[in-house]
Amino acid sequence: MVPESSHTVQNELGYTDVVKLSQDYALTSGYEVTEVAEAVQVRPNYWRIRFGLAPEGSGKMLDVDFDQTQGRVVGTTVVGSEAAGRGVR
């Protein structure tokens, strides 16, 4: 068994932290998230995490933009519905 490089482990910890902090933000902001549909690092230290919104199967999603350098959510958008997104800047 070959141990993972420290770079790979560090990237995984960053991913896990970003998803957890984004989920915590969504829940405390009143969103009822059902799942992590996607988490993508769109550029260095900037992530877009997409959560499904309740009720499950509604097709509504919440995109959370997370700045890893600042350690905070910098924007949110509800997609896949008639509802207007709420933004944070």
PDB file of N, CA and C in Angstrom:
ATOM      1  N   MET A   1       0.845  -1.183   0.000  1.00  0.00           N
ATOM      2  CA  MET A   1       0.000   0.000   0.000  1.00  0.00           C
ATOM      3  C   MET A   1       0.884   1.238   0.000  1.00  0.00           C
ATOM      4  N   VAL A   2       0.599   2.162  -0.896  1.00  0.00           N
ATOM      5  CA  VAL A   2       1.380   3.390  -1.018  1.00  0.00           C
ATOM      6  C   VAL A   2       0.611   4.521  -0.338  1.00  0.00           C
ATOM      7  N   PRO A   3       1.232   5.228   0.624  1.00  0.00           N
ATOM      8  CA  PRO A   3       0.532   6.328   1.283  1.00  0.00           C
ATOM      9  C   PRO A   3       0.296   7.482   0.315  1.00  0.00           C
ATOM     10  N   GLU A   4      -0.805   8.196   0.517  1.00  0.00           N
ATOM     11  CA  GLU A   4      -1.099   9.356  -0.323  1.00  0.00           C
ATOM     12  C   GLU A   4      -0.099  10.463  -0.023  1.00  0.00           C
ATOM     13  N   SER A   5       0.197  11.250  -1.053  1.00  0.00           N
ATOM     14  CA  SER A   5       1.103  12.366  -0.843  1.00  0.00           C
ATOM     15  C   SER A   5       0.433  13.396   0.046  1.00  0.00           C
ATOM     16  N   SER A   6       1.227  14.197   0.745  1.00  0.00           N
ATOM     17  CA  SER A   6       0.668  15.210   1.636  1.00  0.00           C
ATOM     18  C   SER A   6      -0.152  16.225   0.847  1.00  0.00           C
ATOM     19  N   HIS A   7       0.222  16.476  -0.419  1.00  0.00           N
ATOM     20  CA  HIS A   7      -0.522  17.412  -1.253  1.00  0.00           C
ATOM     21  C   HIS A   7      -1.947  16.892  -1.488  1.00  0.00           C
ATOM     22  N   THR A   8      -2.080  15.591  -1.768  1.00  0.00           N
ATOM     23  CA  THR A   8      -3.390  14.994  -1.993  1.00  0.00           C
ATOM     24  C   THR A   8      -4.228  15.054  -0.720  1.00  0.00           C
ATOM     25  N   VAL A   9      -3.634  14.740   0.412  1.00  0.00           N
ATOM     26  CA  VAL A   9      -4.349  14.787   1.684  1.00  0.00           C
ATOM     27  C   VAL A   9      -4.772  16.217   1.984  1.00  0.00           C
ATOM     28  N   GLN A  10      -3.914  17.186   1.769  1.00  0.00           N
ATOM     29  CA  GLN A  10      -4.232  18.593   2.022  1.00  0.00           C
ATOM     30  C   GLN A  10      -5.388  19.057   1.127  1.00  0.00           C
ATOM     31  N   ASN A  11      -5.385  18.660  -0.132  1.00  0.00           N
ATOM     32  CA  ASN A  11      -6.481  19.017  -1.031  1.00  0.00           C
ATOM     33  C   ASN A  11      -7.797  18.429  -0.537  1.00  0.00           C
ATOM     34  N   GLU A  12      -7.770  17.186  -0.063  1.00  0.00           N
ATOM     35  CA  GLU A  12      -8.987  16.540   0.429  1.00  0.00           C
ATOM     36  C   GLU A  12      -9.504  17.248   1.669  1.00  0.00           C
ATOM     37  N   LEU A  13      -8.628  17.629   2.575  1.00  0.00           N
ATOM     38  CA  LEU A  13      -9.056  18.359   3.762  1.00  0.00           C
ATOM     39  C   LEU A  13      -9.671  19.697   3.367  1.00  0.00           C
ATOM     40  N   GLY A  14      -9.093  20.363   2.391  1.00  0.00           N
ATOM     41  CA  GLY A  14      -9.643  21.624   1.919  1.00  0.00           C
ATOM     42  C   GLY A  14     -11.032  21.434   1.350  1.00  0.00           C
ATOM     43  N   TYR A  15     -11.226  20.415   0.560  1.00  0.00           N
ATOM     44  CA  TYR A  15     -12.524  20.109  -0.038  1.00  0.00           C
ATOM     45  C   TYR A  15     -13.557  19.846   1.053  1.00  0.00           C
ATOM     46  N   THR A  16     -13.211  18.997   1.994  1.00  0.00           N
ATOM     47  CA  THR A  16     -14.129  18.633   3.071  1.00  0.00           C
ATOM     48  C   THR A  16     -14.527  19.854   3.893  1.00  0.00           C
ATOM     49  N   ASP A  17     -13.557  20.689   4.224  1.00  0.00           N
ATOM     50  CA  ASP A  17     -13.829  21.894   5.009  1.00  0.00           C
ATOM     51  C   ASP A  17     -14.731  22.858   4.249  1.00  0.00           C
ATOM     52  N   VAL A  18     -14.460  23.061   2.978  1.00  0.00           N
ATOM     53  CA  VAL A  18     -15.246  23.980   2.157  1.00  0.00           C
ATOM     54  C   VAL A  18     -16.696  23.507   2.065  1.00  0.00           C
ATOM     55  N   VAL A  19     -16.896  22.222   1.819  1.00  0.00           N
ATOM     56  CA  VAL A  19     -18.249  21.684   1.716  1.00  0.00           C
ATOM     57  C   VAL A  19     -18.974  21.823   3.050  1.00  0.00           C
ATOM     58  N   LYS A  20     -18.323  21.498   4.144  1.00  0.00           N
ATOM     59  CA  LYS A  20     -18.944  21.578   5.472  1.00  0.00           C
ATOM     60  C   LYS A  20     -19.312  23.019   5.824  1.00  0.00           C
ATOM     61  N   LEU A  21     -18.392  23.949   5.617  1.00  0.00           N
ATOM     62  CA  LEU A  21     -18.668  25.353   5.923  1.00  0.00           C
ATOM     63  C   LEU A  21     -19.789  25.903   5.044  1.00  0.00           C
ATOM     64  N   SER A  22     -19.823  25.508   3.787  1.00  0.00           N
ATOM     65  CA  SER A  22     -20.885  25.951   2.883  1.00  0.00           C
ATOM     66  C   SER A  22     -22.235  25.380   3.298  1.00  0.00           C
ATOM     67  N   GLN A  23     -22.240  24.129   3.697  1.00  0.00           N
ATOM     68  CA  GLN A  23     -23.477  23.504   4.157  1.00  0.00           C
ATOM     69  C   GLN A  23     -23.976  24.167   5.437  1.00  0.00           C
ATOM     70  N   ASP A  24     -23.070  24.425   6.370  1.00  0.00           N
ATOM     71  CA  ASP A  24     -23.439  25.116   7.607  1.00  0.00           C
ATOM     72  C   ASP A  24     -24.034  26.481   7.302  1.00  0.00           C
ATOM     73  N   TYR A  25     -23.428  27.211   6.371  1.00  0.00           N
ATOM     74  CA  TYR A  25     -23.935  28.528   5.982  1.00  0.00           C
ATOM     75  C   TYR A  25     -25.352  28.409   5.414  1.00  0.00           C
ATOM     76  N   ALA A  26     -25.556  27.452   4.519  1.00  0.00           N
ATOM     77  CA  ALA A  26     -26.871  27.277   3.899  1.00  0.00           C
ATOM     78  C   ALA A  26     -27.934  26.982   4.952  1.00  0.00           C
ATOM     79  N   LEU A  27     -27.623  26.106   5.884  1.00  0.00           N
ATOM     80  CA  LEU A  27     -28.589  25.739   6.923  1.00  0.00           C
ATOM     81  C   LEU A  27     -28.908  26.912   7.843  1.00  0.00           C
ATOM     82  N   THR A  28     -27.889  27.662   8.242  1.00  0.00           N
ATOM     83  CA  THR A  28     -28.126  28.801   9.136  1.00  0.00           C
ATOM     84  C   THR A  28     -28.797  29.967   8.410  1.00  0.00           C
ATOM     85  N   SER A  29     -28.759  29.946   7.080  1.00  0.00           N
ATOM     86  CA  SER A  29     -29.421  30.988   6.291  1.00  0.00           C
ATOM     87  C   SER A  29     -30.855  30.613   5.931  1.00  0.00           C
ATOM     88  N   GLY A  30     -31.322  29.478   6.428  1.00  0.00           N
ATOM     89  CA  GLY A  30     -32.704  29.084   6.221  1.00  0.00           C
ATOM     90  C   GLY A  30     -32.962  28.178   5.040  1.00  0.00           C
ATOM     91  N   TYR A  31     -31.927  27.727   4.349  1.00  0.00           N
ATOM     92  CA  TYR A  31     -32.102  26.797   3.234  1.00  0.00           C
ATOM     93  C   TYR A  31     -32.159  25.377   3.777  1.00  0.00           C
ATOM     94  N   GLU A  32     -33.036  24.555   3.223  1.00  0.00           N
ATOM     95  CA  GLU A  32     -33.113  23.157   3.610  1.00  0.00           C
ATOM     96  C   GLU A  32     -32.425  22.334   2.523  1.00  0.00           C
ATOM     97  N   VAL A  33     -31.121  22.115   2.697  1.00  0.00           N
ATOM     98  CA  VAL A  33     -30.342  21.393   1.694  1.00  0.00           C
ATOM     99  C   VAL A  33     -30.507  19.896   1.906  1.00  0.00           C
ATOM    100  N   THR A  34     -30.551  19.161   0.786  1.00  0.00           N
ATOM    101  CA  THR A  34     -30.765  17.721   0.859  1.00  0.00           C
ATOM    102  C   THR A  34     -29.513  16.911   0.557  1.00  0.00           C
ATOM    103  N   GLU A  35     -28.597  17.461  -0.234  1.00  0.00           N
ATOM    104  CA  GLU A  35     -27.423  16.700  -0.658  1.00  0.00           C
ATOM    105  C   GLU A  35     -26.419  17.633  -1.320  1.00  0.00           C
ATOM    106  N   VAL A  36     -25.187  17.186  -1.373  1.00  0.00           N
ATOM    107  CA  VAL A  36     -24.180  17.890  -2.163  1.00  0.00           C
ATOM    108  C   VAL A  36     -24.235  17.285  -3.552  1.00  0.00           C
ATOM    109  N   ALA A  37     -24.672  18.069  -4.519  1.00  0.00           N
ATOM    110  CA  ALA A  37     -24.784  17.575  -5.883  1.00  0.00           C
ATOM    111  C   ALA A  37     -23.458  17.700  -6.623  1.00  0.00           C
ATOM    112  N   GLU A  38     -22.677  18.742  -6.263  1.00  0.00           N
ATOM    113  CA  GLU A  38     -21.424  18.992  -6.963  1.00  0.00           C
ATOM    114  C   GLU A  38     -20.592  19.978  -6.147  1.00  0.00           C
ATOM    115  N   ALA A  39     -19.297  19.777  -6.161  1.00  0.00           N
ATOM    116  CA  ALA A  39     -18.370  20.732  -5.549  1.00  0.00           C
ATOM    117  C   ALA A  39     -17.179  20.853  -6.490  1.00  0.00           C
ATOM    118  N   VAL A  40     -16.981  22.064  -7.011  1.00  0.00           N
ATOM    119  CA  VAL A  40     -15.952  22.285  -8.016  1.00  0.00           C
ATOM    120  C   VAL A  40     -15.095  23.473  -7.615  1.00  0.00           C
ATOM    121  N   GLN A  41     -13.782  23.282  -7.701  1.00  0.00           N
ATOM    122  CA  GLN A  41     -12.877  24.404  -7.503  1.00  0.00           C
ATOM    123  C   GLN A  41     -12.767  25.097  -8.855  1.00  0.00           C
ATOM    124  N   VAL A  42     -13.399  26.274  -8.985  1.00  0.00           N
ATOM    125  CA  VAL A  42     -13.484  26.948 -10.274  1.00  0.00           C
ATOM    126  C   VAL A  42     -12.236  27.766 -10.593  1.00  0.00           C
ATOM    127  N   ARG A  43     -11.480  28.095  -9.580  1.00  0.00           N
ATOM    128  CA  ARG A  43     -10.163  28.710  -9.743  1.00  0.00           C
ATOM    129  C   ARG A  43      -9.443  28.545  -8.407  1.00  0.00           C
ATOM    130  N   PRO A  44      -8.170  28.845  -8.323  1.00  0.00           N
ATOM    131  CA  PRO A  44      -7.468  28.635  -7.057  1.00  0.00           C
ATOM    132  C   PRO A  44      -8.180  29.318  -5.892  1.00  0.00           C
ATOM    133  N   ASN A  45      -8.443  28.552  -4.845  1.00  0.00           N
ATOM    134  CA  ASN A  45      -9.054  29.034  -3.605  1.00  0.00           C
ATOM    135  C   ASN A  45     -10.476  29.547  -3.756  1.00  0.00           C
ATOM    136  N   TYR A  46     -11.173  29.198  -4.829  1.00  0.00           N
ATOM    137  CA  TYR A  46     -12.552  29.645  -5.035  1.00  0.00           C
ATOM    138  C   TYR A  46     -13.377  28.439  -5.474  1.00  0.00           C
ATOM    139  N   TRP A  47     -14.399  28.134  -4.707  1.00  0.00           N
ATOM    140  CA  TRP A  47     -15.203  26.940  -4.931  1.00  0.00           C
ATOM    141  C   TRP A  47     -16.655  27.297  -5.214  1.00  0.00           C
ATOM    142  N   ARG A  48     -17.325  26.449  -5.978  1.00  0.00           N
ATOM    143  CA  ARG A  48     -18.775  26.530  -6.163  1.00  0.00           C
ATOM    144  C   ARG A  48     -19.327  25.174  -5.736  1.00  0.00           C
ATOM    145  N   ILE A  49     -20.163  25.212  -4.700  1.00  0.00           N
ATOM    146  CA  ILE A  49     -20.778  24.000  -4.178  1.00  0.00           C
ATOM    147  C   ILE A  49     -22.263  24.066  -4.499  1.00  0.00           C
ATOM    148  N   ARG A  50     -22.786  23.019  -5.095  1.00  0.00           N
ATOM    149  CA  ARG A  50     -24.202  22.963  -5.470  1.00  0.00           C
ATOM    150  C   ARG A  50     -24.891  21.932  -4.582  1.00  0.00           C
ATOM    151  N   PHE A  51     -25.931  22.396  -3.900  1.00  0.00           N
ATOM    152  CA  PHE A  51     -26.741  21.542  -3.036  1.00  0.00           C
ATOM    153  C   PHE A  51     -28.130  21.386  -3.637  1.00  0.00           C
ATOM    154  N   GLY A  52     -28.719  20.215  -3.452  1.00  0.00           N
ATOM    155  CA  GLY A  52     -30.126  20.043  -3.751  1.00  0.00           C
ATOM    156  C   GLY A  52     -30.932  20.706  -2.652  1.00  0.00           C
ATOM    157  N   LEU A  53     -32.091  21.268  -3.005  1.00  0.00           N
ATOM    158  CA  LEU A  53     -32.963  21.894  -2.019  1.00  0.00           C
ATOM    159  C   LEU A  53     -34.222  21.064  -1.835  1.00  0.00           C
ATOM    160  N   ALA A  54     -34.728  21.045  -0.622  1.00  0.00           N
ATOM    161  CA  ALA A  54     -35.968  20.333  -0.314  1.00  0.00           C
ATOM    162  C   ALA A  54     -37.145  21.072  -0.937  1.00  0.00           C
ATOM    163  N   PRO A  55     -38.191  20.393  -1.296  1.00  0.00           N
ATOM    164  CA  PRO A  55     -38.337  18.950  -1.182  1.00  0.00           C
ATOM    165  C   PRO A  55     -37.517  18.222  -2.247  1.00  0.00           C
ATOM    166  N   GLU A  56     -37.006  17.064  -1.870  1.00  0.00           N
ATOM    167  CA  GLU A  56     -36.188  16.281  -2.793  1.00  0.00           C
ATOM    168  C   GLU A  56     -36.980  16.007  -4.070  1.00  0.00           C
ATOM    169  N   GLY A  57     -36.324  16.155  -5.201  1.00  0.00           N
ATOM    170  CA  GLY A  57     -36.967  15.950  -6.486  1.00  0.00           C
ATOM    171  C   GLY A  57     -37.607  17.203  -7.062  1.00  0.00           C
ATOM    172  N   SER A  58     -37.505  18.318  -6.347  1.00  0.00           N
ATOM    173  CA  SER A  58     -38.109  19.568  -6.824  1.00  0.00           C
ATOM    174  C   SER A  58     -37.341  20.183  -7.982  1.00  0.00           C
ATOM    175  N   GLY A  59     -36.091  19.769  -8.134  1.00  0.00           N
ATOM    176  CA  GLY A  59     -35.253  20.344  -9.178  1.00  0.00           C
ATOM    177  C   GLY A  59     -34.583  21.648  -8.766  1.00  0.00           C
ATOM    178  N   LYS A  60     -34.884  22.131  -7.576  1.00  0.00           N
ATOM    179  CA  LYS A  60     -34.266  23.370  -7.089  1.00  0.00           C
ATOM    180  C   LYS A  60     -32.879  23.056  -6.545  1.00  0.00           C
ATOM    181  N   MET A  61     -31.949  23.939  -6.849  1.00  0.00           N
ATOM    182  CA  MET A  61     -30.568  23.787  -6.395  1.00  0.00           C
ATOM    183  C   MET A  61     -30.096  25.101  -5.792  1.00  0.00           C
ATOM    184  N   LEU A  62     -29.137  25.002  -4.900  1.00  0.00           N
ATOM    185  CA  LEU A  62     -28.520  26.181  -4.312  1.00  0.00           C
ATOM    186  C   LEU A  62     -27.038  26.153  -4.650  1.00  0.00           C
ATOM    187  N   ASP A  63     -26.570  27.175  -5.364  1.00  0.00           N
ATOM    188  CA  ASP A  63     -25.141  27.322  -5.624  1.00  0.00           C
ATOM    189  C   ASP A  63     -24.558  28.231  -4.552  1.00  0.00           C
ATOM    190  N   VAL A  64     -23.519  27.757  -3.889  1.00  0.00           N
ATOM    191  CA  VAL A  64     -22.823  28.534  -2.871  1.00  0.00           C
ATOM    192  C   VAL A  64     -21.410  28.800  -3.380  1.00  0.00           C
ATOM    193  N   ASP A  65     -21.033  30.074  -3.450  1.00  0.00           N
ATOM    194  CA  ASP A  65     -19.684  30.462  -3.853  1.00  0.00           C
ATOM    195  C   ASP A  65     -18.871  30.694  -2.586  1.00  0.00           C
ATOM    196  N   PHE A  66     -17.744  29.986  -2.482  1.00  0.00           N
ATOM    197  CA  PHE A  66     -16.934  30.009  -1.270  1.00  0.00           C
ATOM    198  C   PHE A  66     -15.510  30.430  -1.598  1.00  0.00           C
ATOM    199  N   ASP A  67     -15.038  31.471  -0.930  1.00  0.00           N
ATOM    200  CA  ASP A  67     -13.658  31.937  -1.068  1.00  0.00           C
ATOM    201  C   ASP A  67     -12.839  31.291   0.038  1.00  0.00           C
ATOM    202  N   GLN A  68     -12.012  30.334  -0.334  1.00  0.00           N
ATOM    203  CA  GLN A  68     -11.236  29.574   0.636  1.00  0.00           C
ATOM    204  C   GLN A  68     -10.182  30.443   1.316  1.00  0.00           C
ATOM    205  N   THR A  69      -9.641  31.439   0.617  1.00  0.00           N
ATOM    206  CA  THR A  69      -8.643  32.327   1.200  1.00  0.00           C
ATOM    207  C   THR A  69      -9.258  33.146   2.332  1.00  0.00           C
ATOM    208  N   GLN A  70     -10.460  33.687   2.088  1.00  0.00           N
ATOM    209  CA  GLN A  70     -11.153  34.474   3.106  1.00  0.00           C
ATOM    210  C   GLN A  70     -11.871  33.588   4.123  1.00  0.00           C
ATOM    211  N   GLY A  71     -12.093  32.329   3.761  1.00  0.00           N
ATOM    212  CA  GLY A  71     -12.774  31.394   4.645  1.00  0.00           C
ATOM    213  C   GLY A  71     -14.244  31.707   4.840  1.00  0.00           C
ATOM    214  N   ARG A  72     -14.893  32.194   3.753  1.00  0.00           N
ATOM    215  CA  ARG A  72     -16.301  32.558   3.899  1.00  0.00           C
ATOM    216  C   ARG A  72     -17.060  32.439   2.580  1.00  0.00           C
ATOM    217  N   VAL A  73     -18.371  32.365   2.721  1.00  0.00           N
ATOM    218  CA  VAL A  73     -19.270  32.365   1.575  1.00  0.00           C
ATOM    219  C   VAL A  73     -19.323  33.774   1.019  1.00  0.00           C
ATOM    220  N   VAL A  74     -19.206  33.898  -0.303  1.00  0.00           N
ATOM    221  CA  VAL A  74     -19.234  35.219  -0.937  1.00  0.00           C
ATOM    222  C   VAL A  74     -20.442  35.397  -1.849  1.00  0.00           C
ATOM    223  N   GLY A  75     -21.257  34.359  -1.993  1.00  0.00           N
ATOM    224  CA  GLY A  75     -22.458  34.498  -2.799  1.00  0.00           C
ATOM    225  C   GLY A  75     -23.273  33.222  -2.823  1.00  0.00           C
ATOM    226  N   THR A  76     -24.587  33.372  -3.027  1.00  0.00           N
ATOM    227  CA  THR A  76     -25.475  32.232  -3.180  1.00  0.00           C
ATOM    228  C   THR A  76     -26.468  32.530  -4.296  1.00  0.00           C
ATOM    229  N   THR A  77     -26.899  31.480  -4.981  1.00  0.00           N
ATOM    230  CA  THR A  77     -27.889  31.609  -6.031  1.00  0.00           C
ATOM    231  C   THR A  77     -28.780  30.373  -6.027  1.00  0.00           C
ATOM    232  N   VAL A  78     -30.102  30.580  -6.036  1.00  0.00           N
ATOM    233  CA  VAL A  78     -31.040  29.481  -6.201  1.00  0.00           C
ATOM    234  C   VAL A  78     -31.253  29.305  -7.695  1.00  0.00           C
ATOM    235  N   VAL A  79     -31.106  28.075  -8.190  1.00  0.00           N
ATOM    236  CA  VAL A  79     -31.272  27.801  -9.614  1.00  0.00           C
ATOM    237  C   VAL A  79     -32.286  26.664  -9.798  1.00  0.00           C
ATOM    238  N   GLY A  80     -32.862  26.637 -10.993  1.00  0.00           N
ATOM    239  CA  GLY A  80     -33.782  25.547 -11.329  1.00  0.00           C
ATOM    240  C   GLY A  80     -35.185  25.781 -10.831  1.00  0.00           C
ATOM    241  N   SER A  81     -35.523  27.008 -10.547  1.00  0.00           N
ATOM    242  CA  SER A  81     -36.877  27.303 -10.083  1.00  0.00           C
ATOM    243  C   SER A  81     -37.249  28.722 -10.478  1.00  0.00           C
ATOM    244  N   GLU A  82     -38.468  29.084 -10.211  1.00  0.00           N
ATOM    245  CA  GLU A  82     -38.943  30.432 -10.465  1.00  0.00           C
ATOM    246  C   GLU A  82     -38.418  31.410  -9.414  1.00  0.00           C
ATOM    247  N   ALA A  83     -37.964  30.868  -8.263  1.00  0.00           N
ATOM    248  CA  ALA A  83     -37.531  31.711  -7.155  1.00  0.00           C
ATOM    249  C   ALA A  83     -36.297  32.509  -7.525  1.00  0.00           C
ATOM    250  N   ALA A  84     -36.262  33.744  -7.112  1.00  0.00           N
ATOM    251  CA  ALA A  84     -35.083  34.580  -7.317  1.00  0.00           C
ATOM    252  C   ALA A  84     -34.030  34.171  -6.321  1.00  0.00           C
ATOM    253  N   GLY A  85     -32.774  34.187  -6.754  1.00  0.00           N
ATOM    254  CA  GLY A  85     -31.679  33.836  -5.859  1.00  0.00           C
ATOM    255  C   GLY A  85     -31.397  34.949  -4.867  1.00  0.00           C
ATOM    256  N   ARG A  86     -30.874  34.547  -3.723  1.00  0.00           N
ATOM    257  CA  ARG A  86     -30.434  35.509  -2.722  1.00  0.00           C
ATOM    258  C   ARG A  86     -28.929  35.624  -2.852  1.00  0.00           C
ATOM    259  N   GLY A  87     -28.418  36.819  -2.868  1.00  0.00           N
ATOM    260  CA  GLY A  87     -26.983  37.007  -3.026  1.00  0.00           C
ATOM    261  C   GLY A  87     -26.337  37.567  -1.785  1.00  0.00           C
ATOM    262  N   VAL A  88     -25.094  37.202  -1.587  1.00  0.00           N
ATOM    263  CA  VAL A  88     -24.292  37.725  -0.483  1.00  0.00           C
ATOM    264  C   VAL A  88     -23.007  38.242  -1.090  1.00  0.00           C
ATOM    265  N   ARG A  89     -22.655  39.434  -0.797  1.00  0.00           N
ATOM    266  CA  ARG A  89     -21.380  39.991  -1.301  1.00  0.00           C
ATOM    267  C   ARG A  89     -20.679  40.736  -0.215  1.00  0.00           C
TER     268      ARG A  89
END
